[in-house]
Amino acid sequence: MEFFKYKNKLKPEKGRLLISEPFLPDPNFERTVVLLCEHNEEGSFGFVVNKPSILKINEVMEDIRILDDTVFVGGPVQQDTLHFLHRNTSIANAVKIRNEIYWGGDFESLLAQLDTATVKPTDIRFYLGYSGWGQGQLESELQEDSWIVCDFVDDELLFDTDPTVIWKKALDNMGGRFSVYSNYPVDPRLN
């Protein structure tokens, strides 16, 4: 759709969001929000933060019996791997993504903190698989207007917001024309 060109000036980088444009035809990324955990000349990767799966974490990992939280689909790559984002500074070897948002860390440390309730279930999200782009691939998709880069990221959006409204809220947070995009119907023919 030629009228729907929105080139924003932000470049992708660690800690920013990729918000799929309203009519992205790829079913893996329809109305998705991806938190970029790495972006460099070799490629990019992150996690889709708004696509819950039908699985619970205690169904995926026997070691995590005390949680029955939903596991999210992090992306189409290596969906047999489990990852986690959290907002807990005491998990050893965690990688700081942005402000109060961390990726991974020592899994035994996480389990111990879950057992002692020093990590709250609301402070962690689990993801099966991840979203990845090879060298130059994401830049090419940005040139095609497949993604909107967003710098309005906080832990509340990722951990406290209902996943079904993260896409809309992320665009609304950007304001201006992006707020208008957030109200586009999934299928304009039904409008």
Protein backbone atom coordinates (compact mmCIF):
# COMPACT_ATOMS: atom_id res chain seq x y z
CA MET A 1 0.00 0.00 0.00
CA GLU A 2 1.76 3.08 -1.27
CA PHE A 3 -0.04 5.48 1.10
CA PHE A 4 1.24 3.50 4.05
CA LYS A 5 4.90 4.57 4.02
CA TYR A 6 6.15 5.65 7.40
CA LYS A 7 9.94 5.56 7.30
CA ASN A 8 10.98 6.44 10.80
CA LYS A 9 14.46 7.66 11.52
CA LEU A 10 15.42 5.24 14.28
CA LYS A 11 17.90 2.51 13.51
CA PRO A 12 17.62 -0.94 15.07
CA GLU A 13 19.80 -1.56 18.10
CA LYS A 14 19.93 -3.63 21.25
CA GLY A 15 17.06 -2.69 23.56
CA ARG A 16 14.78 -1.24 20.91
CA LEU A 17 11.53 -2.72 19.66
CA LEU A 18 10.65 -3.83 16.17
CA ILE A 19 6.93 -3.35 15.61
CA SER A 20 5.49 -5.09 12.58
CA GLU A 21 3.64 -2.82 10.20
CA PRO A 22 -0.13 -3.34 10.26
CA PHE A 23 -0.34 -5.33 7.03
CA LEU A 24 2.82 -7.44 7.22
CA PRO A 25 1.87 -10.60 5.30
CA ASP A 26 4.21 -12.97 7.20
CA PRO A 27 2.03 -15.03 9.61
CA ASN A 28 5.04 -15.52 11.94
CA PHE A 29 5.20 -11.77 12.52
CA GLU A 30 1.65 -10.48 12.03
CA ARG A 31 1.09 -7.66 14.54
CA THR A 32 4.17 -8.61 16.53
CA VAL A 33 6.55 -6.71 18.74
CA VAL A 34 10.14 -7.95 18.93
CA LEU A 35 12.57 -6.85 21.62
CA LEU A 36 16.00 -6.73 20.01
CA CYS A 37 18.59 -8.35 22.26
CA GLU A 38 21.44 -7.96 19.79
CA HIS A 39 22.04 -6.05 16.58
CA ASN A 40 25.39 -5.78 14.85
CA GLU A 41 26.98 -6.17 11.41
CA GLU A 42 26.64 -9.97 11.63
CA GLY A 43 22.89 -9.94 12.22
CA SER A 44 20.18 -9.46 14.81
CA PHE A 45 18.11 -11.47 17.24
CA GLY A 46 15.36 -10.90 19.74
CA PHE A 47 12.11 -12.24 21.12
CA VAL A 48 8.51 -11.69 20.07
CA VAL A 49 7.05 -10.36 23.31
CA ASN A 50 3.34 -10.48 22.51
CA LYS A 51 2.59 -14.01 21.23
CA PRO A 52 1.64 -16.41 24.03
CA SER A 53 1.70 -20.11 23.21
CA ILE A 54 -0.76 -22.72 24.48
CA LEU A 55 1.91 -24.18 26.79
CA LYS A 56 2.63 -23.48 30.44
CA ILE A 57 6.19 -23.31 31.72
CA ASN A 58 5.68 -26.26 34.08
CA GLU A 59 4.67 -28.34 31.04
CA VAL A 60 7.88 -27.41 29.23
CA MET A 61 10.34 -27.62 32.15
CA GLU A 62 9.82 -30.13 34.94
CA ASP A 63 12.27 -28.17 37.12
CA ILE A 64 9.84 -25.26 37.27
CA ARG A 65 6.89 -26.90 38.99
CA ILE A 66 5.83 -23.89 41.00
CA LEU A 67 5.01 -21.75 37.95
CA ASP A 68 2.12 -22.27 35.61
CA ASP A 69 2.69 -19.12 33.57
CA THR A 70 2.24 -19.17 29.81
CA VAL A 71 5.30 -19.63 27.62
CA PHE A 72 5.59 -17.20 24.72
CA VAL A 73 6.59 -17.94 21.14
CA GLY A 74 9.86 -16.02 20.86
CA GLY A 75 10.04 -16.50 17.12
CA PRO A 76 10.33 -19.09 14.38
CA VAL A 77 14.02 -19.96 14.94
CA GLN A 78 15.00 -22.96 17.12
CA GLN A 79 11.64 -23.38 18.81
CA ASP A 80 13.09 -26.27 20.79
CA THR A 81 15.13 -23.80 22.90
CA LEU A 82 13.88 -22.02 26.01
CA HIS A 83 14.91 -18.45 26.83
CA PHE A 84 13.82 -15.95 29.44
CA LEU A 85 13.58 -12.21 29.88
CA HIS A 86 13.33 -10.77 33.37
CA ARG A 87 13.66 -7.67 35.50
CA ASN A 88 15.73 -9.11 38.31
CA THR A 89 19.24 -7.79 38.88
CA SER A 90 20.28 -10.68 41.13
CA ILE A 91 20.25 -13.49 38.54
CA ALA A 92 23.89 -14.27 37.89
CA ASN A 93 25.31 -13.76 34.38
CA ALA A 94 22.19 -12.05 33.04
CA VAL A 95 22.69 -9.78 30.04
CA LYS A 96 21.31 -6.29 30.51
CA ILE A 97 19.24 -5.36 27.47
CA ARG A 98 17.92 -2.01 28.61
CA ASN A 99 17.07 -0.27 31.89
CA GLU A 100 15.33 -2.95 33.98
CA ILE A 101 15.19 -5.60 31.24
CA TYR A 102 17.56 -8.58 31.27
CA TRP A 103 18.00 -11.67 29.12
CA GLY A 104 18.93 -15.08 30.47
CA GLY A 105 21.50 -15.73 33.12
CA ASP A 106 22.39 -18.66 35.30
CA PHE A 107 19.43 -21.05 35.17
CA GLU A 108 20.28 -22.66 38.54
CA SER A 109 20.29 -19.19 40.09
CA LEU A 110 16.86 -18.56 38.58
CA LEU A 111 15.49 -21.86 39.90
CA ALA A 112 16.83 -21.16 43.40
CA GLN A 113 15.28 -17.70 43.39
CA LEU A 114 11.96 -19.06 42.18
CA ASP A 115 12.01 -21.67 44.98
CA THR A 116 12.68 -18.98 47.60
CA ALA A 117 10.23 -16.51 46.01
CA THR A 118 12.95 -13.87 45.56
CA VAL A 119 11.94 -13.73 41.89
CA LYS A 120 8.28 -12.98 41.38
CA PRO A 121 6.46 -14.73 38.52
CA THR A 122 5.46 -11.29 37.20
CA ASP A 123 9.15 -10.42 36.76
CA ILE A 124 9.94 -13.15 34.25
CA ARG A 125 8.72 -14.34 30.86
CA PHE A 126 9.76 -17.52 29.08
CA TYR A 127 10.11 -17.89 25.30
CA LEU A 128 10.35 -20.89 23.01
CA GLY A 129 12.60 -20.03 20.09
CA TYR A 130 13.71 -16.62 18.96
CA SER A 131 13.56 -14.24 16.03
CA GLY A 132 16.75 -13.91 14.02
CA TRP A 133 18.06 -12.08 10.99
CA GLY A 134 21.26 -12.72 9.07
CA GLN A 135 23.70 -10.08 7.93
CA GLY A 136 21.81 -7.25 6.20
CA GLN A 137 18.47 -9.07 6.35
CA LEU A 138 16.82 -6.79 8.92
CA GLU A 139 18.05 -3.68 7.12
CA SER A 140 16.47 -5.01 3.93
CA GLU A 141 13.16 -5.59 5.72
CA LEU A 142 13.32 -2.06 7.13
CA GLN A 143 13.79 -0.68 3.61
CA GLU A 144 10.63 -2.58 2.62
CA ASP A 145 8.76 -0.94 5.53
CA SER A 146 8.08 -4.27 7.22
CA TRP A 147 9.09 -2.93 10.65
CA ILE A 148 8.82 0.23 12.69
CA VAL A 149 11.70 0.80 15.11
CA CYS A 150 10.60 2.02 18.54
CA ASP A 151 12.69 3.38 21.39
CA PHE A 152 9.83 3.65 23.93
CA VAL A 153 10.61 0.44 25.81
CA ASP A 154 10.18 -0.21 29.49
CA ASP A 155 9.74 -3.21 31.72
CA GLU A 156 6.06 -2.36 32.30
CA LEU A 157 5.29 -2.80 28.60
CA LEU A 158 6.99 -6.20 28.50
CA PHE A 159 5.96 -7.69 31.84
CA ASP A 160 2.80 -5.91 33.03
CA THR A 161 0.88 -5.29 29.81
CA ASP A 162 -1.64 -7.77 28.48
CA PRO A 163 0.14 -9.39 25.50
CA THR A 164 -2.92 -8.88 23.29
CA VAL A 165 -2.50 -5.09 23.50
CA ILE A 166 1.31 -4.71 23.43
CA TRP A 167 1.38 -4.08 19.66
CA LYS A 168 -1.25 -1.34 19.92
CA LYS A 169 0.23 0.18 23.08
CA ALA A 170 3.75 0.28 21.62
CA LEU A 171 2.49 2.21 18.58
CA ASP A 172 0.33 4.48 20.75
CA ASN A 173 3.39 5.26 22.91
CA MET A 174 5.16 6.54 19.78
CA GLY A 175 2.37 9.06 19.20
CA GLY A 176 1.56 10.96 16.02
CA ARG A 177 0.93 8.93 12.90
CA PHE A 178 1.96 5.72 14.69
CA SER A 179 -1.06 6.08 17.00
CA VAL A 180 -3.22 6.14 13.88
CA TYR A 181 -1.59 2.91 12.65
CA SER A 182 -2.39 1.24 15.96
CA ASN A 183 -6.09 1.52 15.14
CA TYR A 184 -5.91 -0.04 11.67
CA PRO A 185 -8.18 -3.07 11.46
CA VAL A 186 -6.56 -6.47 10.90
CA ASP A 187 -8.58 -6.82 7.70
CA PRO A 188 -9.61 -3.41 6.26
CA ARG A 189 -12.23 -5.11 4.07
CA LEU A 190 -14.19 -5.87 7.24
CA ASN A 191 -14.23 -2.24 8.33
